[in-house]
């Protein structure tokens, strides 16, 4: 598998006031389901030290098709779209591909 085909996702979530516990609970349910997908290569979660309620999700997918399968999955739709997004006051997502500099 070429790393040039892999897609990296950098998602920055800012939870609404008082919602961080619920958001973390949703991510705790989402992460193992995402990692069980055949095209998911990694799923890391970080919380901001100086910014309460700030989360950084780093995800890796085999290719664009694997990312799309993740986004269409039942667990993504039910956990992220229906439950997590309403608890966020801000969300920014970047999709990146490794750049070969050789």
PDB file of N, CA and C in Angstrom:
ATOM      1  N   UNK A   1       0.841  -1.181   0.000  1.00  0.00           N
ATOM      2  CA  UNK A   1       0.000   0.000   0.000  1.00  0.00           C
ATOM      3  C   UNK A   1       0.883   1.239   0.000  1.00  0.00           C
ATOM      4  N   UNK A   2       0.579   2.138  -0.871  1.00  0.00           N
ATOM      5  CA  UNK A   2       1.338   3.378  -0.975  1.00  0.00           C
ATOM      6  C   UNK A   2       0.854   4.373   0.073  1.00  0.00           C
ATOM      7  N   UNK A   3       1.792   4.986   0.777  1.00  0.00           N
ATOM      8  CA  UNK A   3       1.385   6.004   1.752  1.00  0.00           C
ATOM      9  C   UNK A   3       0.816   7.231   1.050  1.00  0.00           C
ATOM     10  N   UNK A   4       1.112   7.386  -0.231  1.00  0.00           N
ATOM     11  CA  UNK A   4       0.578   8.525  -0.979  1.00  0.00           C
ATOM     12  C   UNK A   4      -0.937   8.431  -1.131  1.00  0.00           C
ATOM     13  N   UNK A   5      -1.497   7.229  -1.014  1.00  0.00           N
ATOM     14  CA  UNK A   5      -2.946   7.055  -1.124  1.00  0.00           C
ATOM     15  C   UNK A   5      -3.641   7.264   0.212  1.00  0.00           C
ATOM     16  N   UNK A   6      -2.908   7.139   1.311  1.00  0.00           N
ATOM     17  CA  UNK A   6      -3.516   7.267   2.632  1.00  0.00           C
ATOM     18  C   UNK A   6      -4.054   8.680   2.849  1.00  0.00           C
ATOM     19  N   UNK A   7      -5.155   8.741   3.552  1.00  0.00           N
ATOM     20  CA  UNK A   7      -5.781  10.018   3.900  1.00  0.00           C
ATOM     21  C   UNK A   7      -5.649  10.214   5.401  1.00  0.00           C
ATOM     22  N   UNK A   8      -5.151  11.359   5.796  1.00  0.00           N
ATOM     23  CA  UNK A   8      -5.071  11.746   7.212  1.00  0.00           C
ATOM     24  C   UNK A   8      -6.180  12.764   7.466  1.00  0.00           C
ATOM     25  N   UNK A   9      -6.853  12.587   8.564  1.00  0.00           N
ATOM     26  CA  UNK A   9      -7.912  13.512   8.956  1.00  0.00           C
ATOM     27  C   UNK A   9      -7.475  14.190  10.239  1.00  0.00           C
ATOM     28  N   UNK A  10      -7.544  15.511  10.233  1.00  0.00           N
ATOM     29  CA  UNK A  10      -7.285  16.299  11.434  1.00  0.00           C
ATOM     30  C   UNK A  10      -8.586  17.028  11.745  1.00  0.00           C
ATOM     31  N   UNK A  11      -9.234  16.592  12.814  1.00  0.00           N
ATOM     32  CA  UNK A  11     -10.513  17.191  13.196  1.00  0.00           C
ATOM     33  C   UNK A  11     -10.337  17.917  14.523  1.00  0.00           C
ATOM     34  N   UNK A  12     -10.706  19.168  14.541  1.00  0.00           N
ATOM     35  CA  UNK A  12     -10.648  19.975  15.760  1.00  0.00           C
ATOM     36  C   UNK A  12     -12.083  20.243  16.198  1.00  0.00           C
ATOM     37  N   UNK A  13     -12.393  19.754  17.378  1.00  0.00           N
ATOM     38  CA  UNK A  13     -13.732  19.916  17.937  1.00  0.00           C
ATOM     39  C   UNK A  13     -13.654  20.784  19.179  1.00  0.00           C
ATOM     40  N   UNK A  14     -14.580  21.712  19.297  1.00  0.00           N
ATOM     41  CA  UNK A  14     -14.722  22.518  20.510  1.00  0.00           C
ATOM     42  C   UNK A  14     -16.115  22.241  21.053  1.00  0.00           C
ATOM     43  N   UNK A  15     -16.173  21.611  22.208  1.00  0.00           N
ATOM     44  CA  UNK A  15     -17.479  21.268  22.768  1.00  0.00           C
ATOM     45  C   UNK A  15     -18.163  22.509  23.330  1.00  0.00           C
ATOM     46  N   UNK A  16     -19.463  22.445  23.330  1.00  0.00           N
ATOM     47  CA  UNK A  16     -20.244  23.510  23.949  1.00  0.00           C
ATOM     48  C   UNK A  16     -19.999  23.462  25.451  1.00  0.00           C
ATOM     49  N   UNK A  17     -20.260  24.545  26.115  1.00  0.00           N
ATOM     50  CA  UNK A  17     -20.040  24.640  27.557  1.00  0.00           C
ATOM     51  C   UNK A  17     -20.795  23.519  28.287  1.00  0.00           C
ATOM     52  N   UNK A  18     -20.067  22.801  29.123  1.00  0.00           N
ATOM     53  CA  UNK A  18     -20.668  21.738  29.914  1.00  0.00           C
ATOM     54  C   UNK A  18     -20.905  20.427  29.180  1.00  0.00           C
ATOM     55  N   UNK A  19     -20.501  20.335  27.917  1.00  0.00           N
ATOM     56  CA  UNK A  19     -20.795  19.139  27.118  1.00  0.00           C
ATOM     57  C   UNK A  19     -19.604  18.213  26.924  1.00  0.00           C
ATOM     58  N   UNK A  20     -18.415  18.560  27.442  1.00  0.00           N
ATOM     59  CA  UNK A  20     -17.214  17.773  27.138  1.00  0.00           C
ATOM     60  C   UNK A  20     -17.345  16.320  27.600  1.00  0.00           C
ATOM     61  N   UNK A  21     -17.948  16.073  28.738  1.00  0.00           N
ATOM     62  CA  UNK A  21     -18.120  14.702  29.214  1.00  0.00           C
ATOM     63  C   UNK A  21     -18.945  13.862  28.256  1.00  0.00           C
ATOM     64  N   UNK A  22     -20.025  14.433  27.753  1.00  0.00           N
ATOM     65  CA  UNK A  22     -20.879  13.708  26.804  1.00  0.00           C
ATOM     66  C   UNK A  22     -20.148  13.487  25.489  1.00  0.00           C
ATOM     67  N   UNK A  23     -19.388  14.487  25.033  1.00  0.00           N
ATOM     68  CA  UNK A  23     -18.637  14.354  23.786  1.00  0.00           C
ATOM     69  C   UNK A  23     -17.585  13.251  23.921  1.00  0.00           C
ATOM     70  N   UNK A  24     -16.855  13.236  25.028  1.00  0.00           N
ATOM     71  CA  UNK A  24     -15.847  12.198  25.247  1.00  0.00           C
ATOM     72  C   UNK A  24     -16.477  10.806  25.318  1.00  0.00           C
ATOM     73  N   UNK A  25     -17.637  10.707  25.895  1.00  0.00           N
ATOM     74  CA  UNK A  25     -18.347   9.438  25.963  1.00  0.00           C
ATOM     75  C   UNK A  25     -18.712   8.939  24.565  1.00  0.00           C
ATOM     76  N   UNK A  26     -19.131   9.832  23.708  1.00  0.00           N
ATOM     77  CA  UNK A  26     -19.470   9.482  22.325  1.00  0.00           C
ATOM     78  C   UNK A  26     -18.212   9.022  21.587  1.00  0.00           C
ATOM     79  N   UNK A  27     -17.111   9.745  21.767  1.00  0.00           N
ATOM     80  CA  UNK A  27     -15.856   9.366  21.103  1.00  0.00           C
ATOM     81  C   UNK A  27     -15.374   8.007  21.624  1.00  0.00           C
ATOM     82  N   UNK A  28     -15.548   7.745  22.909  1.00  0.00           N
ATOM     83  CA  UNK A  28     -15.146   6.457  23.480  1.00  0.00           C
ATOM     84  C   UNK A  28     -15.920   5.305  22.841  1.00  0.00           C
ATOM     85  N   UNK A  29     -17.133   5.573  22.424  1.00  0.00           N
ATOM     86  CA  UNK A  29     -17.940   4.567  21.728  1.00  0.00           C
ATOM     87  C   UNK A  29     -17.561   4.490  20.241  1.00  0.00           C
ATOM     88  N   UNK A  30     -17.254   5.630  19.656  1.00  0.00           N
ATOM     89  CA  UNK A  30     -16.935   5.722  18.231  1.00  0.00           C
ATOM     90  C   UNK A  30     -15.574   5.129  17.877  1.00  0.00           C
ATOM     91  N   UNK A  31     -14.570   5.405  18.690  1.00  0.00           N
ATOM     92  CA  UNK A  31     -13.189   5.030  18.356  1.00  0.00           C
ATOM     93  C   UNK A  31     -13.016   3.537  18.074  1.00  0.00           C
ATOM     94  N   UNK A  32     -13.442   2.621  18.949  1.00  0.00           N
ATOM     95  CA  UNK A  32     -13.234   1.202  18.646  1.00  0.00           C
ATOM     96  C   UNK A  32     -13.992   0.735  17.411  1.00  0.00           C
ATOM     97  N   UNK A  33     -15.152   1.310  17.174  1.00  0.00           N
ATOM     98  CA  UNK A  33     -15.920   0.942  15.976  1.00  0.00           C
ATOM     99  C   UNK A  33     -15.200   1.420  14.724  1.00  0.00           C
ATOM    100  N   UNK A  34     -14.606   2.595  14.787  1.00  0.00           N
ATOM    101  CA  UNK A  34     -13.855   3.118  13.647  1.00  0.00           C
ATOM    102  C   UNK A  34     -12.609   2.277  13.400  1.00  0.00           C
ATOM    103  N   UNK A  35     -11.883   1.950  14.470  1.00  0.00           N
ATOM    104  CA  UNK A  35     -10.666   1.143  14.341  1.00  0.00           C
ATOM    105  C   UNK A  35     -10.961  -0.265  13.812  1.00  0.00           C
ATOM    106  N   UNK A  36     -12.184  -0.746  13.988  1.00  0.00           N
ATOM    107  CA  UNK A  36     -12.565  -2.066  13.484  1.00  0.00           C
ATOM    108  C   UNK A  36     -12.841  -2.053  11.981  1.00  0.00           C
ATOM    109  N   UNK A  37     -12.984  -0.874  11.395  1.00  0.00           N
ATOM    110  CA  UNK A  37     -13.202  -0.783   9.946  1.00  0.00           C
ATOM    111  C   UNK A  37     -11.934  -1.256   9.230  1.00  0.00           C
ATOM    112  N   UNK A  38     -12.082  -2.022   8.139  1.00  0.00           N
ATOM    113  CA  UNK A  38     -10.889  -2.533   7.447  1.00  0.00           C
ATOM    114  C   UNK A  38      -9.977  -1.434   6.892  1.00  0.00           C
ATOM    115  N   UNK A  39     -10.511  -0.259   6.587  1.00  0.00           N
ATOM    116  CA  UNK A  39      -9.696   0.808   6.004  1.00  0.00           C
ATOM    117  C   UNK A  39      -9.167   1.825   6.986  1.00  0.00           C
ATOM    118  N   UNK A  40      -9.521   1.686   8.273  1.00  0.00           N
ATOM    119  CA  UNK A  40      -9.050   2.635   9.284  1.00  0.00           C
ATOM    120  C   UNK A  40      -7.704   2.163   9.818  1.00  0.00           C
ATOM    121  N   UNK A  41      -6.689   3.009   9.706  1.00  0.00           N
ATOM    122  CA  UNK A  41      -5.332   2.663  10.117  1.00  0.00           C
ATOM    123  C   UNK A  41      -4.941   3.249  11.467  1.00  0.00           C
ATOM    124  N   UNK A  42      -5.710   4.195  11.963  1.00  0.00           N
ATOM    125  CA  UNK A  42      -5.391   4.805  13.248  1.00  0.00           C
ATOM    126  C   UNK A  42      -6.436   5.824  13.656  1.00  0.00           C
ATOM    127  N   UNK A  43      -6.607   6.007  14.975  1.00  0.00           N
ATOM    128  CA  UNK A  43      -7.590   6.950  15.500  1.00  0.00           C
ATOM    129  C   UNK A  43      -7.115   7.386  16.880  1.00  0.00           C
ATOM    130  N   UNK A  44      -6.576   8.593  16.950  1.00  0.00           N
ATOM    131  CA  UNK A  44      -6.038   9.126  18.200  1.00  0.00           C
ATOM    132  C   UNK A  44      -6.873  10.320  18.647  1.00  0.00           C
ATOM    133  N   UNK A  45      -6.982  10.478  19.943  1.00  0.00           N
ATOM    134  CA  UNK A  45      -7.780  11.566  20.512  1.00  0.00           C
ATOM    135  C   UNK A  45      -6.938  12.316  21.531  1.00  0.00           C
ATOM    136  N   UNK A  46      -6.906  13.633  21.407  1.00  0.00           N
ATOM    137  CA  UNK A  46      -6.150  14.494  22.323  1.00  0.00           C
ATOM    138  C   UNK A  46      -7.056  15.602  22.841  1.00  0.00           C
ATOM    139  N   UNK A  47      -6.832  15.990  24.091  1.00  0.00           N
ATOM    140  CA  UNK A  47      -7.570  17.108  24.674  1.00  0.00           C
ATOM    141  C   UNK A  47      -6.618  18.274  24.897  1.00  0.00           C
ATOM    142  N   UNK A  48      -7.076  19.472  24.615  1.00  0.00           N
ATOM    143  CA  UNK A  48      -6.269  20.665  24.814  1.00  0.00           C
ATOM    144  C   UNK A  48      -5.933  20.876  26.280  1.00  0.00           C
ATOM    145  N   UNK A  49      -4.694  21.228  26.545  1.00  0.00           N
ATOM    146  CA  UNK A  49      -4.242  21.467  27.918  1.00  0.00           C
ATOM    147  C   UNK A  49      -4.743  22.820  28.418  1.00  0.00           C
ATOM    148  N   UNK A  50      -4.644  23.822  27.576  1.00  0.00           N
ATOM    149  CA  UNK A  50      -4.997  25.191  27.977  1.00  0.00           C
ATOM    150  C   UNK A  50      -6.354  25.661  27.462  1.00  0.00           C
ATOM    151  N   UNK A  51      -7.035  24.802  26.716  1.00  0.00           N
ATOM    152  CA  UNK A  51      -8.324  25.197  26.147  1.00  0.00           C
ATOM    153  C   UNK A  51      -9.385  24.161  26.533  1.00  0.00           C
ATOM    154  N   UNK A  52     -10.118  24.405  27.597  1.00  0.00           N
ATOM    155  CA  UNK A  52     -11.130  23.461  28.056  1.00  0.00           C
ATOM    156  C   UNK A  52     -12.138  23.127  26.950  1.00  0.00           C
ATOM    157  N   UNK A  53     -12.439  21.852  26.820  1.00  0.00           N
ATOM    158  CA  UNK A  53     -13.419  21.418  25.829  1.00  0.00           C
ATOM    159  C   UNK A  53     -12.886  21.299  24.424  1.00  0.00           C
ATOM    160  N   UNK A  54     -11.572  21.513  24.250  1.00  0.00           N
ATOM    161  CA  UNK A  54     -10.958  21.443  22.925  1.00  0.00           C
ATOM    162  C   UNK A  54     -10.392  20.050  22.689  1.00  0.00           C
ATOM    163  N   UNK A  55     -10.787  19.432  21.570  1.00  0.00           N
ATOM    164  CA  UNK A  55     -10.327  18.097  21.231  1.00  0.00           C
ATOM    165  C   UNK A  55      -9.690  18.089  19.846  1.00  0.00           C
ATOM    166  N   UNK A  56      -8.701  17.232  19.691  1.00  0.00           N
ATOM    167  CA  UNK A  56      -8.055  17.021  18.399  1.00  0.00           C
ATOM    168  C   UNK A  56      -8.153  15.533  18.101  1.00  0.00           C
ATOM    169  N   UNK A  57      -8.760  15.203  16.960  1.00  0.00           N
ATOM    170  CA  UNK A  57      -8.875  13.817  16.527  1.00  0.00           C
ATOM    171  C   UNK A  57      -7.966  13.644  15.320  1.00  0.00           C
ATOM    172  N   UNK A  58      -7.042  12.684  15.407  1.00  0.00           N
ATOM    173  CA  UNK A  58      -6.143  12.366  14.295  1.00  0.00           C
ATOM    174  C   UNK A  58      -6.519  10.978  13.786  1.00  0.00           C
ATOM    175  N   UNK A  59      -6.968  10.926  12.552  1.00  0.00           N
ATOM    176  CA  UNK A  59      -7.423   9.666  11.976  1.00  0.00           C
ATOM    177  C   UNK A  59      -6.629   9.370  10.709  1.00  0.00           C
ATOM    178  N   UNK A  60      -6.435   8.090  10.430  1.00  0.00           N
ATOM    179  CA  UNK A  60      -5.744   7.663   9.209  1.00  0.00           C
ATOM    180  C   UNK A  60      -6.588   6.606   8.513  1.00  0.00           C
ATOM    181  N   UNK A  61      -6.716   6.755   7.195  1.00  0.00           N
ATOM    182  CA  UNK A  61      -7.480   5.814   6.392  1.00  0.00           C
ATOM    183  C   UNK A  61      -6.642   5.352   5.208  1.00  0.00           C
ATOM    184  N   UNK A  62      -6.866   4.101   4.815  1.00  0.00           N
ATOM    185  CA  UNK A  62      -6.104   3.474   3.742  1.00  0.00           C
ATOM    186  C   UNK A  62      -6.132   4.304   2.452  1.00  0.00           C
ATOM    187  N   UNK A  63      -7.297   4.848   2.125  1.00  0.00           N
ATOM    188  CA  UNK A  63      -7.458   5.631   0.898  1.00  0.00           C
ATOM    189  C   UNK A  63      -8.772   6.409   0.984  1.00  0.00           C
ATOM    190  N   UNK A  64      -9.082   7.116  -0.077  1.00  0.00           N
ATOM    191  CA  UNK A  64     -10.284   7.947  -0.095  1.00  0.00           C
ATOM    192  C   UNK A  64     -11.556   7.107   0.054  1.00  0.00           C
ATOM    193  N   UNK A  65     -11.564   5.912  -0.548  1.00  0.00           N
ATOM    194  CA  UNK A  65     -12.731   5.029  -0.440  1.00  0.00           C
ATOM    195  C   UNK A  65     -12.952   4.588   1.006  1.00  0.00           C
ATOM    196  N   UNK A  66     -11.876   4.305   1.728  1.00  0.00           N
ATOM    197  CA  UNK A  66     -11.996   3.901   3.131  1.00  0.00           C
ATOM    198  C   UNK A  66     -12.536   5.050   3.980  1.00  0.00           C
ATOM    199  N   UNK A  67     -12.094   6.265   3.691  1.00  0.00           N
ATOM    200  CA  UNK A  67     -12.605   7.432   4.407  1.00  0.00           C
ATOM    201  C   UNK A  67     -14.097   7.599   4.130  1.00  0.00           C
ATOM    202  N   UNK A  68     -14.485   7.462   2.882  1.00  0.00           N
ATOM    203  CA  UNK A  68     -15.903   7.609   2.522  1.00  0.00           C
ATOM    204  C   UNK A  68     -16.741   6.515   3.189  1.00  0.00           C
ATOM    205  N   UNK A  69     -16.224   5.281   3.245  1.00  0.00           N
ATOM    206  CA  UNK A  69     -16.943   4.196   3.922  1.00  0.00           C
ATOM    207  C   UNK A  69     -17.129   4.529   5.402  1.00  0.00           C
ATOM    208  N   UNK A  70     -16.108   5.123   6.013  1.00  0.00           N
ATOM    209  CA  UNK A  70     -16.206   5.544   7.414  1.00  0.00           C
ATOM    210  C   UNK A  70     -17.306   6.583   7.585  1.00  0.00           C
ATOM    211  N   UNK A  71     -17.309   7.560   6.730  1.00  0.00           N
ATOM    212  CA  UNK A  71     -18.285   8.656   6.848  1.00  0.00           C
ATOM    213  C   UNK A  71     -19.722   8.200   6.580  1.00  0.00           C
ATOM    214  N   UNK A  72     -19.876   7.128   5.820  1.00  0.00           N
ATOM    215  CA  UNK A  72     -21.212   6.597   5.529  1.00  0.00           C
ATOM    216  C   UNK A  72     -21.641   5.496   6.502  1.00  0.00           C
ATOM    217  N   UNK A  73     -20.737   5.080   7.381  1.00  0.00           N
ATOM    218  CA  UNK A  73     -21.039   3.975   8.295  1.00  0.00           C
ATOM    219  C   UNK A  73     -22.168   4.345   9.262  1.00  0.00           C
ATOM    220  N   UNK A  74     -22.849   3.326   9.730  1.00  0.00           N
ATOM    221  CA  UNK A  74     -23.948   3.531  10.671  1.00  0.00           C
ATOM    222  C   UNK A  74     -23.440   4.181  11.958  1.00  0.00           C
ATOM    223  N   UNK A  75     -22.267   3.730  12.446  1.00  0.00           N
ATOM    224  CA  UNK A  75     -21.769   4.294  13.702  1.00  0.00           C
ATOM    225  C   UNK A  75     -21.362   5.758  13.555  1.00  0.00           C
ATOM    226  N   UNK A  76     -20.796   6.154  12.421  1.00  0.00           N
ATOM    227  CA  UNK A  76     -20.451   7.566  12.209  1.00  0.00           C
ATOM    228  C   UNK A  76     -21.728   8.413  12.156  1.00  0.00           C
ATOM    229  N   UNK A  77     -22.691   7.947  11.396  1.00  0.00           N
ATOM    230  CA  UNK A  77     -23.931   8.709  11.244  1.00  0.00           C
ATOM    231  C   UNK A  77     -24.664   8.845  12.581  1.00  0.00           C
ATOM    232  N   UNK A  78     -24.746   7.761  13.340  1.00  0.00           N
ATOM    233  CA  UNK A  78     -25.506   7.834  14.592  1.00  0.00           C
ATOM    234  C   UNK A  78     -24.733   8.543  15.700  1.00  0.00           C
ATOM    235  N   UNK A  79     -23.420   8.291  15.793  1.00  0.00           N
ATOM    236  CA  UNK A  79     -22.652   8.873  16.894  1.00  0.00           C
ATOM    237  C   UNK A  79     -22.162  10.284  16.609  1.00  0.00           C
ATOM    238  N   UNK A  80     -21.595  10.512  15.428  1.00  0.00           N
ATOM    239  CA  UNK A  80     -21.059  11.844  15.123  1.00  0.00           C
ATOM    240  C   UNK A  80     -22.157  12.786  14.649  1.00  0.00           C
ATOM    241  N   UNK A  81     -22.818  12.416  13.561  1.00  0.00           N
ATOM    242  CA  UNK A  81     -23.792  13.331  12.956  1.00  0.00           C
ATOM    243  C   UNK A  81     -24.964  13.609  13.891  1.00  0.00           C
ATOM    244  N   UNK A  82     -25.539  12.566  14.463  1.00  0.00           N
ATOM    245  CA  UNK A  82     -26.756  12.758  15.260  1.00  0.00           C
ATOM    246  C   UNK A  82     -26.497  13.155  16.704  1.00  0.00           C
ATOM    247  N   UNK A  83     -25.399  12.637  17.301  1.00  0.00           N
ATOM    248  CA  UNK A  83     -25.186  12.892  18.727  1.00  0.00           C
ATOM    249  C   UNK A  83     -24.083  13.898  19.045  1.00  0.00           C
ATOM    250  N   UNK A  84     -22.919  13.798  18.397  1.00  0.00           N
ATOM    251  CA  UNK A  84     -21.794  14.670  18.765  1.00  0.00           C
ATOM    252  C   UNK A  84     -21.924  16.079  18.190  1.00  0.00           C
ATOM    253  N   UNK A  85     -22.231  16.179  16.914  1.00  0.00           N
ATOM    254  CA  UNK A  85     -22.256  17.515  16.287  1.00  0.00           C
ATOM    255  C   UNK A  85     -23.158  18.513  17.017  1.00  0.00           C
ATOM    256  N   UNK A  86     -24.333  18.116  17.495  1.00  0.00           N
ATOM    257  CA  UNK A  86     -25.154  19.088  18.229  1.00  0.00           C
ATOM    258  C   UNK A  86     -24.514  19.575  19.543  1.00  0.00           C
ATOM    259  N   UNK A  87     -23.511  18.854  20.044  1.00  0.00           N
ATOM    260  CA  UNK A  87     -22.851  19.242  21.296  1.00  0.00           C
ATOM    261  C   UNK A  87     -21.609  20.107  21.079  1.00  0.00           C
ATOM    262  N   UNK A  88     -21.303  20.414  19.806  1.00  0.00           N
ATOM    263  CA  UNK A  88     -20.106  21.193  19.490  1.00  0.00           C
ATOM    264  C   UNK A  88     -20.465  22.633  19.162  1.00  0.00           C
ATOM    265  N   UNK A  89     -19.607  23.547  19.617  1.00  0.00           N
ATOM    266  CA  UNK A  89     -19.808  24.939  19.211  1.00  0.00           C
ATOM    267  C   UNK A  89     -18.921  25.298  18.029  1.00  0.00           C
ATOM    268  N   UNK A  90     -17.905  24.441  17.752  1.00  0.00           N
ATOM    269  CA  UNK A  90     -17.054  24.649  16.579  1.00  0.00           C
ATOM    270  C   UNK A  90     -16.473  23.307  16.159  1.00  0.00           C
ATOM    271  N   UNK A  91     -16.299  23.147  14.852  1.00  0.00           N
ATOM    272  CA  UNK A  91     -15.712  21.922  14.295  1.00  0.00           C
ATOM    273  C   UNK A  91     -15.000  22.286  13.007  1.00  0.00           C
ATOM    274  N   UNK A  92     -13.728  21.898  12.938  1.00  0.00           N
ATOM    275  CA  UNK A  92     -12.937  22.127  11.726  1.00  0.00           C
ATOM    276  C   UNK A  92     -12.268  20.821  11.348  1.00  0.00           C
ATOM    277  N   UNK A  93     -12.365  20.455  10.084  1.00  0.00           N
ATOM    278  CA  UNK A  93     -11.820  19.182   9.631  1.00  0.00           C
ATOM    279  C   UNK A  93     -10.962  19.416   8.401  1.00  0.00           C
ATOM    280  N   UNK A  94      -9.748  18.854   8.425  1.00  0.00           N
ATOM    281  CA  UNK A  94      -8.840  18.897   7.274  1.00  0.00           C
ATOM    282  C   UNK A  94      -8.569  17.482   6.814  1.00  0.00           C
ATOM    283  N   UNK A  95      -8.479  17.299   5.493  1.00  0.00           N
ATOM    284  CA  UNK A  95      -8.137  16.018   4.900  1.00  0.00           C
ATOM    285  C   UNK A  95      -6.795  16.196   4.195  1.00  0.00           C
ATOM    286  N   UNK A  96      -5.821  15.379   4.587  1.00  0.00           N
ATOM    287  CA  UNK A  96      -4.457  15.546   4.089  1.00  0.00           C
ATOM    288  C   UNK A  96      -3.934  14.253   3.483  1.00  0.00           C
ATOM    289  N   UNK A  97      -3.005  14.417   2.555  1.00  0.00           N
ATOM    290  CA  UNK A  97      -2.302  13.299   1.966  1.00  0.00           C
ATOM    291  C   UNK A  97      -0.825  13.570   2.088  1.00  0.00           C
ATOM    292  N   UNK A  98      -0.026  12.562   2.394  1.00  0.00           N
ATOM    293  CA  UNK A  98       1.419  12.747   2.534  1.00  0.00           C
ATOM    294  C   UNK A  98       2.015  13.212   1.209  1.00  0.00           C
ATOM    295  N   UNK A  99       2.894  14.151   1.292  1.00  0.00           N
ATOM    296  CA  UNK A  99       3.559  14.690   0.100  1.00  0.00           C
ATOM    297  C   UNK A  99       4.928  14.072  -0.033  1.00  0.00           C
ATOM    298  N   UNK A 100       5.175  13.423  -1.154  1.00  0.00           N
ATOM    299  CA  UNK A 100       6.489  12.831  -1.436  1.00  0.00           C
ATOM    300  C   UNK A 100       7.431  13.930  -1.910  1.00  0.00           C
ATOM    301  N   UNK A 101       8.493  14.161  -1.178  1.00  0.00           N
ATOM    302  CA  UNK A 101       9.429  15.228  -1.511  1.00  0.00           C
ATOM    303  C   UNK A 101      10.677  14.714  -2.223  1.00  0.00           C
ATOM    304  N   UNK A 102      10.702  13.430  -2.522  1.00  0.00           N
ATOM    305  CA  UNK A 102      11.887  12.857  -3.185  1.00  0.00           C
ATOM    306  C   UNK A 102      11.946  13.249  -4.656  1.00  0.00           C
TER     307      UNK A 102
END
